[in-house]
Amino acid sequence: MDRETKRTEVAQLQGTFSAAKSAVVLEFKGLTVVKDTAFRKSIRDSKAQYRVSKNTLLRLAVKSTAFETLSPHFQGATAVATTENDVVALAKAVNTFLKDNPAAKFKGAILDGKNVTVQEFKIIAELPSRAVLISKLLYLMQYPVSGLVQVLDQIRKQKEGAA
């Protein structure tokens, strides 16, 4: 890889990291092309990005960003998944991939600006999706109103029966 290609790669990585809210660093030794392709598709489906790059270029790209603390994890076969959107969707996709591929390993992550351990990462990955949480919240907000309507309807029926 010549210098100009490296500069271009670092600039692209810097753009990715500056726009991202979250990043997950993985080790991906022993992966088949089929498994890697399936993982890339699940990452795209969660509206995230996945890159495999040289560790030195990754270290240069994260300098002076919120992801600089990930630098020590850039050793060996390294891949980075980033997202500007739904952190839980990214965590779910990565967690599913890690369960299905024991050769791949979690190295580190920063989710919504916070360094997370592998245990914290798994907890986040098991959260319901944003859409499910919003629908549950709407149901809980609507429940007292629908309960009141049912009570008023029962009172109306009782009064009509008494008249």
N, C-alpha and C. Protein backbone atom coordinates (compact mmCIF):
# COMPACT_ATOMS: atom_id res chain seq x y z
N MET A 1 0.86 -1.17 0.00
CA MET A 1 0.00 0.00 0.00
C MET A 1 0.90 1.23 0.00
N ASP A 2 0.74 2.10 -1.00
CA ASP A 2 1.58 3.29 -1.08
C ASP A 2 1.05 4.38 -0.14
N ARG A 3 1.85 5.43 0.03
CA ARG A 3 1.52 6.49 0.99
C ARG A 3 0.19 7.18 0.69
N GLU A 4 -0.06 7.44 -0.59
CA GLU A 4 -1.30 8.14 -0.96
C GLU A 4 -2.53 7.29 -0.62
N THR A 5 -2.44 6.00 -0.85
CA THR A 5 -3.54 5.09 -0.51
C THR A 5 -3.75 5.07 0.99
N LYS A 6 -2.65 5.07 1.75
CA LYS A 6 -2.76 5.10 3.21
C LYS A 6 -3.41 6.39 3.69
N ARG A 7 -3.02 7.52 3.11
CA ARG A 7 -3.61 8.81 3.49
C ARG A 7 -5.12 8.81 3.22
N THR A 8 -5.49 8.28 2.07
CA THR A 8 -6.91 8.22 1.70
C THR A 8 -7.67 7.33 2.69
N GLU A 9 -7.09 6.19 3.01
CA GLU A 9 -7.72 5.25 3.96
C GLU A 9 -7.89 5.90 5.33
N VAL A 10 -6.86 6.59 5.82
CA VAL A 10 -6.94 7.26 7.13
C VAL A 10 -8.01 8.35 7.09
N ALA A 11 -8.08 9.11 6.00
CA ALA A 11 -9.09 10.17 5.88
C ALA A 11 -10.50 9.58 5.90
N GLN A 12 -10.70 8.46 5.21
CA GLN A 12 -12.01 7.80 5.22
C GLN A 12 -12.35 7.30 6.62
N LEU A 13 -11.38 6.69 7.28
CA LEU A 13 -11.60 6.20 8.64
C LEU A 13 -11.90 7.34 9.60
N GLN A 14 -11.18 8.46 9.46
CA GLN A 14 -11.44 9.62 10.32
C GLN A 14 -12.86 10.13 10.13
N GLY A 15 -13.32 10.15 8.89
CA GLY A 15 -14.69 10.56 8.60
C GLY A 15 -15.69 9.63 9.27
N THR A 16 -15.41 8.34 9.19
CA THR A 16 -16.29 7.34 9.81
C THR A 16 -16.33 7.54 11.32
N PHE A 17 -15.17 7.68 11.95
CA PHE A 17 -15.12 7.84 13.41
C PHE A 17 -15.70 9.17 13.87
N SER A 18 -15.50 10.23 13.11
CA SER A 18 -16.03 11.53 13.54
C SER A 18 -17.56 11.57 13.46
N ALA A 19 -18.15 10.80 12.54
CA ALA A 19 -19.61 10.77 12.41
C ALA A 19 -20.26 9.75 13.35
N ALA A 20 -19.49 8.78 13.82
CA ALA A 20 -20.06 7.67 14.60
C ALA A 20 -20.39 8.07 16.03
N LYS A 21 -21.44 7.42 16.57
CA LYS A 21 -21.79 7.55 17.99
C LYS A 21 -21.17 6.41 18.78
N SER A 22 -20.98 5.28 18.10
CA SER A 22 -20.51 4.08 18.77
C SER A 22 -19.60 3.27 17.86
N ALA A 23 -18.69 2.51 18.49
CA ALA A 23 -17.78 1.64 17.74
C ALA A 23 -17.49 0.39 18.55
N VAL A 24 -17.40 -0.74 17.83
CA VAL A 24 -17.08 -2.02 18.45
C VAL A 24 -15.88 -2.59 17.72
N VAL A 25 -14.85 -2.99 18.49
CA VAL A 25 -13.63 -3.56 17.91
C VAL A 25 -13.67 -5.07 18.10
N LEU A 26 -13.42 -5.79 17.01
CA LEU A 26 -13.48 -7.25 17.02
C LEU A 26 -12.22 -7.86 16.48
N GLU A 27 -11.94 -9.07 16.93
CA GLU A 27 -10.89 -9.90 16.34
C GLU A 27 -11.62 -10.94 15.50
N PHE A 28 -11.19 -11.14 14.27
CA PHE A 28 -11.96 -11.98 13.37
C PHE A 28 -11.19 -13.14 12.77
N LYS A 29 -10.22 -13.68 13.47
CA LYS A 29 -9.43 -14.80 12.95
C LYS A 29 -10.32 -16.01 12.63
N GLY A 30 -9.93 -16.76 11.60
CA GLY A 30 -10.59 -18.03 11.30
C GLY A 30 -11.98 -17.92 10.71
N LEU A 31 -12.34 -16.77 10.16
CA LEU A 31 -13.67 -16.59 9.58
C LEU A 31 -13.71 -17.04 8.13
N THR A 32 -14.77 -17.70 7.75
CA THR A 32 -14.94 -18.06 6.34
C THR A 32 -15.55 -16.86 5.61
N VAL A 33 -15.43 -16.86 4.31
CA VAL A 33 -15.98 -15.78 3.51
C VAL A 33 -17.50 -15.73 3.66
N VAL A 34 -18.13 -16.88 3.72
CA VAL A 34 -19.59 -16.94 3.86
C VAL A 34 -20.03 -16.29 5.17
N LYS A 35 -19.36 -16.61 6.26
CA LYS A 35 -19.72 -16.04 7.57
C LYS A 35 -19.45 -14.53 7.60
N ASP A 36 -18.33 -14.12 7.02
CA ASP A 36 -18.00 -12.70 6.97
C ASP A 36 -19.03 -11.94 6.15
N THR A 37 -19.44 -12.50 5.02
CA THR A 37 -20.44 -11.87 4.17
C THR A 37 -21.78 -11.75 4.90
N ALA A 38 -22.17 -12.80 5.61
CA ALA A 38 -23.42 -12.77 6.37
C ALA A 38 -23.35 -11.70 7.47
N PHE A 39 -22.20 -11.60 8.13
CA PHE A 39 -22.04 -10.59 9.18
C PHE A 39 -22.12 -9.18 8.58
N ARG A 40 -21.46 -8.96 7.47
CA ARG A 40 -21.51 -7.65 6.82
C ARG A 40 -22.95 -7.26 6.47
N LYS A 41 -23.73 -8.24 6.02
CA LYS A 41 -25.13 -7.98 5.68
C LYS A 41 -25.92 -7.60 6.94
N SER A 42 -25.71 -8.32 8.04
CA SER A 42 -26.43 -7.99 9.28
C SER A 42 -26.03 -6.61 9.80
N ILE A 43 -24.78 -6.24 9.60
CA ILE A 43 -24.32 -4.91 10.00
C ILE A 43 -25.01 -3.85 9.14
N ARG A 44 -25.05 -4.07 7.83
CA ARG A 44 -25.74 -3.12 6.94
C ARG A 44 -27.22 -3.01 7.31
N ASP A 45 -27.85 -4.13 7.63
CA ASP A 45 -29.27 -4.14 8.00
C ASP A 45 -29.52 -3.32 9.27
N SER A 46 -28.53 -3.24 10.15
CA SER A 46 -28.67 -2.44 11.37
C SER A 46 -28.23 -1.00 11.15
N LYS A 47 -28.03 -0.63 9.88
CA LYS A 47 -27.63 0.73 9.48
C LYS A 47 -26.29 1.14 10.11
N ALA A 48 -25.37 0.20 10.12
CA ALA A 48 -24.03 0.44 10.66
C ALA A 48 -22.99 0.14 9.58
N GLN A 49 -21.73 0.39 9.88
CA GLN A 49 -20.64 0.13 8.95
C GLN A 49 -19.66 -0.85 9.59
N TYR A 50 -18.94 -1.57 8.73
CA TYR A 50 -17.96 -2.56 9.19
C TYR A 50 -16.73 -2.42 8.32
N ARG A 51 -15.58 -2.28 8.96
CA ARG A 51 -14.33 -2.12 8.22
C ARG A 51 -13.24 -3.00 8.81
N VAL A 52 -12.46 -3.55 7.92
CA VAL A 52 -11.23 -4.23 8.30
C VAL A 52 -10.12 -3.36 7.76
N SER A 53 -9.19 -2.98 8.62
CA SER A 53 -8.11 -2.10 8.19
C SER A 53 -6.84 -2.40 8.96
N LYS A 54 -5.76 -1.83 8.49
CA LYS A 54 -4.49 -2.00 9.19
C LYS A 54 -4.54 -1.27 10.53
N ASN A 55 -3.95 -1.90 11.54
CA ASN A 55 -3.98 -1.34 12.89
C ASN A 55 -3.34 0.04 12.98
N THR A 56 -2.26 0.25 12.27
CA THR A 56 -1.59 1.56 12.31
C THR A 56 -2.49 2.64 11.75
N LEU A 57 -3.21 2.31 10.69
CA LEU A 57 -4.11 3.29 10.09
C LEU A 57 -5.29 3.58 11.03
N LEU A 58 -5.77 2.55 11.70
CA LEU A 58 -6.85 2.74 12.68
C LEU A 58 -6.38 3.64 13.83
N ARG A 59 -5.16 3.39 14.31
CA ARG A 59 -4.63 4.23 15.41
C ARG A 59 -4.52 5.69 14.99
N LEU A 60 -4.06 5.92 13.76
CA LEU A 60 -3.96 7.30 13.26
C LEU A 60 -5.35 7.93 13.13
N ALA A 61 -6.33 7.15 12.68
CA ALA A 61 -7.67 7.67 12.44
C ALA A 61 -8.40 8.06 13.72
N VAL A 62 -8.16 7.35 14.82
CA VAL A 62 -8.89 7.64 16.05
C VAL A 62 -8.23 8.72 16.91
N LYS A 63 -7.02 9.15 16.54
CA LYS A 63 -6.36 10.20 17.31
C LYS A 63 -7.25 11.43 17.37
N SER A 64 -7.36 12.00 18.56
CA SER A 64 -8.15 13.20 18.82
C SER A 64 -9.64 13.00 18.53
N THR A 65 -10.14 11.78 18.69
CA THR A 65 -11.57 11.54 18.57
C THR A 65 -12.05 10.91 19.88
N ALA A 66 -13.34 10.71 19.98
CA ALA A 66 -13.92 10.08 21.17
C ALA A 66 -13.54 8.61 21.27
N PHE A 67 -12.98 8.06 20.19
CA PHE A 67 -12.64 6.63 20.14
C PHE A 67 -11.15 6.36 20.34
N GLU A 68 -10.40 7.37 20.76
CA GLU A 68 -8.96 7.22 20.94
C GLU A 68 -8.61 6.14 21.97
N THR A 69 -9.47 5.95 22.96
CA THR A 69 -9.19 4.94 23.99
C THR A 69 -9.27 3.51 23.45
N LEU A 70 -9.75 3.34 22.24
CA LEU A 70 -9.78 2.01 21.63
C LEU A 70 -8.43 1.61 21.03
N SER A 71 -7.51 2.54 20.92
CA SER A 71 -6.20 2.29 20.29
C SER A 71 -5.48 1.04 20.79
N PRO A 72 -5.45 0.75 22.09
CA PRO A 72 -4.75 -0.46 22.55
C PRO A 72 -5.35 -1.76 21.99
N HIS A 73 -6.60 -1.71 21.53
CA HIS A 73 -7.25 -2.90 20.98
C HIS A 73 -6.89 -3.15 19.52
N PHE A 74 -6.20 -2.20 18.90
CA PHE A 74 -5.84 -2.35 17.49
C PHE A 74 -4.55 -3.16 17.38
N GLN A 75 -4.68 -4.45 17.63
CA GLN A 75 -3.56 -5.41 17.51
C GLN A 75 -4.12 -6.69 16.90
N GLY A 76 -3.33 -7.36 16.12
CA GLY A 76 -3.79 -8.60 15.50
C GLY A 76 -4.80 -8.32 14.40
N ALA A 77 -5.59 -9.33 14.07
CA ALA A 77 -6.62 -9.19 13.03
C ALA A 77 -7.77 -8.37 13.60
N THR A 78 -7.92 -7.12 13.13
CA THR A 78 -8.87 -6.20 13.74
C THR A 78 -9.91 -5.73 12.73
N ALA A 79 -11.14 -5.70 13.19
CA ALA A 79 -12.25 -5.13 12.43
C ALA A 79 -13.00 -4.17 13.35
N VAL A 80 -13.60 -3.15 12.76
CA VAL A 80 -14.33 -2.17 13.54
C VAL A 80 -15.72 -2.00 12.95
N ALA A 81 -16.73 -2.08 13.80
CA ALA A 81 -18.11 -1.81 13.41
C ALA A 81 -18.52 -0.50 14.07
N THR A 82 -19.06 0.42 13.28
CA THR A 82 -19.46 1.73 13.81
C THR A 82 -20.89 2.03 13.40
N THR A 83 -21.52 2.91 14.19
CA THR A 83 -22.86 3.35 13.83
C THR A 83 -23.08 4.80 14.23
N GLU A 84 -23.90 5.47 13.45
CA GLU A 84 -24.33 6.82 13.77
C GLU A 84 -25.75 6.77 14.33
N ASN A 85 -26.37 5.60 14.29
CA ASN A 85 -27.79 5.46 14.59
C ASN A 85 -28.03 4.64 15.86
N ASP A 86 -28.77 3.57 15.70
CA ASP A 86 -29.24 2.74 16.80
C ASP A 86 -28.12 1.86 17.36
N VAL A 87 -27.67 2.18 18.56
CA VAL A 87 -26.59 1.46 19.21
C VAL A 87 -27.02 0.02 19.53
N VAL A 88 -28.26 -0.15 19.94
CA VAL A 88 -28.75 -1.48 20.31
C VAL A 88 -28.77 -2.40 19.09
N ALA A 89 -29.17 -1.87 17.94
CA ALA A 89 -29.19 -2.69 16.71
C ALA A 89 -27.79 -3.17 16.36
N LEU A 90 -26.80 -2.29 16.48
CA LEU A 90 -25.41 -2.69 16.23
C LEU A 90 -24.97 -3.74 17.23
N ALA A 91 -25.26 -3.52 18.51
CA ALA A 91 -24.86 -4.47 19.55
C ALA A 91 -25.50 -5.83 19.32
N LYS A 92 -26.77 -5.85 18.92
CA LYS A 92 -27.46 -7.11 18.64
C LYS A 92 -26.79 -7.86 17.49
N ALA A 93 -26.48 -7.13 16.40
CA ALA A 93 -25.85 -7.76 15.24
C ALA A 93 -24.49 -8.34 15.60
N VAL A 94 -23.70 -7.57 16.34
CA VAL A 94 -22.36 -8.04 16.73
C VAL A 94 -22.47 -9.21 17.70
N ASN A 95 -23.37 -9.12 18.67
CA ASN A 95 -23.52 -10.18 19.66
C ASN A 95 -23.96 -11.50 18.99
N THR A 96 -24.88 -11.43 18.07
CA THR A 96 -25.32 -12.62 17.33
C THR A 96 -24.16 -13.22 16.57
N PHE A 97 -23.37 -12.36 15.93
CA PHE A 97 -22.20 -12.82 15.19
C PHE A 97 -21.20 -13.51 16.11
N LEU A 98 -20.96 -12.93 17.27
CA LEU A 98 -20.01 -13.51 18.22
C LEU A 98 -20.49 -14.87 18.75
N LYS A 99 -21.79 -15.00 18.98
CA LYS A 99 -22.35 -16.28 19.44
C LYS A 99 -22.19 -17.36 18.38
N ASP A 100 -22.41 -16.98 17.11
CA ASP A 100 -22.36 -17.94 16.00
C ASP A 100 -20.94 -18.26 15.55
N ASN A 101 -19.97 -17.43 15.94
CA ASN A 101 -18.59 -17.59 15.48
C ASN A 101 -17.62 -17.51 16.65
N PRO A 102 -17.37 -18.64 17.31
CA PRO A 102 -16.49 -18.62 18.48
C PRO A 102 -15.06 -18.17 18.18
N ALA A 103 -14.65 -18.22 16.91
CA ALA A 103 -13.30 -17.78 16.55
C ALA A 103 -13.18 -16.25 16.64
N ALA A 104 -14.29 -15.55 16.45
CA ALA A 104 -14.29 -14.09 16.56
C ALA A 104 -14.34 -13.70 18.03
N LYS A 105 -13.72 -12.57 18.35
CA LYS A 105 -13.66 -12.15 19.75
C LYS A 105 -13.95 -10.65 19.89
N PHE A 106 -14.62 -10.31 20.98
CA PHE A 106 -14.88 -8.92 21.34
C PHE A 106 -13.59 -8.36 21.94
N LYS A 107 -13.12 -7.23 21.42
CA LYS A 107 -11.91 -6.60 21.98
C LYS A 107 -12.25 -5.40 22.84
N GLY A 108 -13.20 -4.60 22.42
CA GLY A 108 -13.57 -3.41 23.16
C GLY A 108 -14.64 -2.64 22.42
N ALA A 109 -15.28 -1.70 23.13
CA ALA A 109 -16.32 -0.91 22.49
C ALA A 109 -16.53 0.40 23.23
N ILE A 110 -16.96 1.38 22.48
CA ILE A 110 -17.45 2.63 23.04
C ILE A 110 -18.85 2.79 22.47
N LEU A 111 -19.84 2.76 23.37
CA LEU A 111 -21.24 2.89 22.95
C LEU A 111 -21.79 4.18 23.54
N ASP A 112 -22.26 5.05 22.67
CA ASP A 112 -22.77 6.37 23.08
C ASP A 112 -21.78 7.11 23.97
N GLY A 113 -20.51 7.05 23.61
CA GLY A 113 -19.48 7.80 24.33
C GLY A 113 -18.94 7.14 25.59
N LYS A 114 -19.38 5.93 25.90
CA LYS A 114 -18.93 5.27 27.13
C LYS A 114 -18.21 3.97 26.80
N ASN A 115 -17.02 3.78 27.38
CA ASN A 115 -16.32 2.50 27.24
C ASN A 115 -17.14 1.43 27.95
N VAL A 116 -17.33 0.30 27.29
CA VAL A 116 -18.12 -0.77 27.90
C VAL A 116 -17.32 -2.07 27.92
N THR A 117 -17.57 -2.85 28.95
CA THR A 117 -16.95 -4.16 29.07
C THR A 117 -17.76 -5.16 28.25
N VAL A 118 -17.25 -6.36 28.12
CA VAL A 118 -17.96 -7.39 27.37
C VAL A 118 -19.29 -7.72 28.05
N GLN A 119 -19.34 -7.70 29.38
CA GLN A 119 -20.58 -7.98 30.10
C GLN A 119 -21.62 -6.88 29.84
N GLU A 120 -21.19 -5.62 29.92
CA GLU A 120 -22.10 -4.51 29.64
C GLU A 120 -22.58 -4.55 28.20
N PHE A 121 -21.68 -4.92 27.31
CA PHE A 121 -22.03 -5.02 25.89
C PHE A 121 -23.13 -6.07 25.68
N LYS A 122 -23.01 -7.21 26.33
CA LYS A 122 -24.02 -8.27 26.19
C LYS A 122 -25.36 -7.83 26.75
N ILE A 123 -25.35 -7.08 27.85
CA ILE A 123 -26.60 -6.58 28.43
C ILE A 123 -27.29 -5.63 27.44
N ILE A 124 -26.52 -4.75 26.85
CA ILE A 124 -27.07 -3.80 25.87
C ILE A 124 -27.62 -4.55 24.66
N ALA A 125 -26.90 -5.58 24.23
CA ALA A 125 -27.33 -6.36 23.06
C ALA A 125 -28.63 -7.10 23.31
N GLU A 126 -28.95 -7.38 24.57
CA GLU A 126 -30.17 -8.11 24.88
C GLU A 126 -31.37 -7.19 25.16
N LEU A 127 -31.15 -5.87 25.07
CA LEU A 127 -32.26 -4.94 25.24
C LEU A 127 -33.23 -5.06 24.07
N PRO A 128 -34.51 -4.78 24.30
CA PRO A 128 -35.46 -4.75 23.17
C PRO A 128 -35.08 -3.60 22.23
N SER A 129 -35.51 -3.71 21.00
CA SER A 129 -35.20 -2.67 20.02
C SER A 129 -35.88 -1.36 20.40
N ARG A 130 -35.45 -0.29 19.79
CA ARG A 130 -35.99 1.04 20.07
C ARG A 130 -37.49 1.07 19.77
N ALA A 131 -37.89 0.46 18.65
CA ALA A 131 -39.30 0.46 18.27
C ALA A 131 -40.16 -0.27 19.31
N VAL A 132 -39.66 -1.38 19.83
CA VAL A 132 -40.39 -2.14 20.84
C VAL A 132 -40.51 -1.32 22.13
N LEU A 133 -39.42 -0.67 22.54
CA LEU A 133 -39.46 0.16 23.75
C LEU A 133 -40.45 1.32 23.60
N ILE A 134 -40.48 1.94 22.43
CA ILE A 134 -41.41 3.05 22.20
C ILE A 134 -42.85 2.55 22.24
N SER A 135 -43.11 1.40 21.62
CA SER A 135 -44.49 0.88 21.64
C SER A 135 -44.92 0.52 23.07
N LYS A 136 -44.01 -0.04 23.87
CA LYS A 136 -44.34 -0.34 25.27
C LYS A 136 -44.63 0.94 26.05
N LEU A 137 -43.84 1.97 25.82
CA LEU A 137 -44.05 3.25 26.49
C LEU A 137 -45.40 3.84 26.11
N LEU A 138 -45.72 3.80 24.83
CA LEU A 138 -47.01 4.33 24.38
C LEU A 138 -48.17 3.55 24.99
N TYR A 139 -48.03 2.24 25.09
CA TYR A 139 -49.07 1.42 25.71
C TYR A 139 -49.26 1.82 27.17
N LEU A 140 -48.14 1.98 27.88
CA LEU A 140 -48.22 2.35 29.30
C LEU A 140 -48.83 3.73 29.49
N MET A 141 -48.54 4.64 28.56
CA MET A 141 -49.11 5.98 28.64
C MET A 141 -50.59 5.97 28.31
N GLN A 142 -50.99 5.09 27.42
CA GLN A 142 -52.38 5.02 26.98
C GLN A 142 -53.26 4.21 27.94
N TYR A 143 -52.67 3.29 28.66
CA TYR A 143 -53.42 2.39 29.53
C TYR A 143 -54.32 3.11 30.53
N PRO A 144 -53.84 4.10 31.30
CA PRO A 144 -54.72 4.77 32.26
C PRO A 144 -55.93 5.42 31.59
N VAL A 145 -55.73 5.98 30.40
CA VAL A 145 -56.83 6.63 29.69
C VAL A 145 -57.86 5.59 29.27
N SER A 146 -57.40 4.48 28.70
CA SER A 146 -58.35 3.44 28.26
C SER A 146 -59.06 2.82 29.46
N GLY A 147 -58.38 2.70 30.58
CA GLY A 147 -59.02 2.18 31.81
C GLY A 147 -60.12 3.11 32.28
N LEU A 148 -59.88 4.41 32.23
CA LEU A 148 -60.88 5.41 32.63
C LEU A 148 -62.09 5.34 31.70
N VAL A 149 -61.84 5.20 30.41
CA VAL A 149 -62.93 5.10 29.44
C VAL A 149 -63.79 3.87 29.73
N GLN A 150 -63.16 2.75 30.06
CA GLN A 150 -63.91 1.53 30.37
C GLN A 150 -64.77 1.71 31.62
N VAL A 151 -64.22 2.36 32.64
CA VAL A 151 -64.98 2.61 33.88
C VAL A 151 -66.17 3.51 33.58
N LEU A 152 -65.96 4.58 32.84
CA LEU A 152 -67.05 5.49 32.50
C LEU A 152 -68.12 4.78 31.67
N ASP A 153 -67.69 3.90 30.78
CA ASP A 153 -68.63 3.13 29.97
C ASP A 153 -69.47 2.20 30.85
N GLN A 154 -68.85 1.57 31.84
CA GLN A 154 -69.59 0.69 32.76
C GLN A 154 -70.60 1.49 33.59
N ILE A 155 -70.20 2.68 34.03
CA ILE A 155 -71.12 3.55 34.80
C ILE A 155 -72.30 3.94 33.93
N ARG A 156 -72.04 4.29 32.67
CA ARG A 156 -73.10 4.68 31.75
C ARG A 156 -74.08 3.52 31.57
N LYS A 157 -73.53 2.30 31.39
CA LYS A 157 -74.39 1.13 31.20
C LYS A 157 -75.23 0.86 32.45
N GLN A 158 -74.67 1.05 33.62
CA GLN A 158 -75.40 0.84 34.87
C GLN A 158 -76.55 1.85 34.98
N LYS A 159 -76.30 3.10 34.61
CA LYS A 159 -77.32 4.14 34.70
C LYS A 159 -78.43 3.90 33.68
N GLU A 160 -78.03 3.40 32.49
CA GLU A 160 -79.04 3.11 31.47
C GLU A 160 -79.91 1.93 31.92
N GLY A 161 -79.29 0.95 32.59
CA GLY A 161 -80.02 -0.22 33.08
C GLY A 161 -80.95 0.15 34.22
N ALA A 162 -80.59 1.16 35.02
CA ALA A 162 -81.40 1.57 36.17
C ALA A 162 -82.57 2.43 35.72
N ALA A 163 -82.44 3.08 34.59
CA ALA A 163 -83.49 4.00 34.14
C ALA A 163 -84.63 3.32 33.44
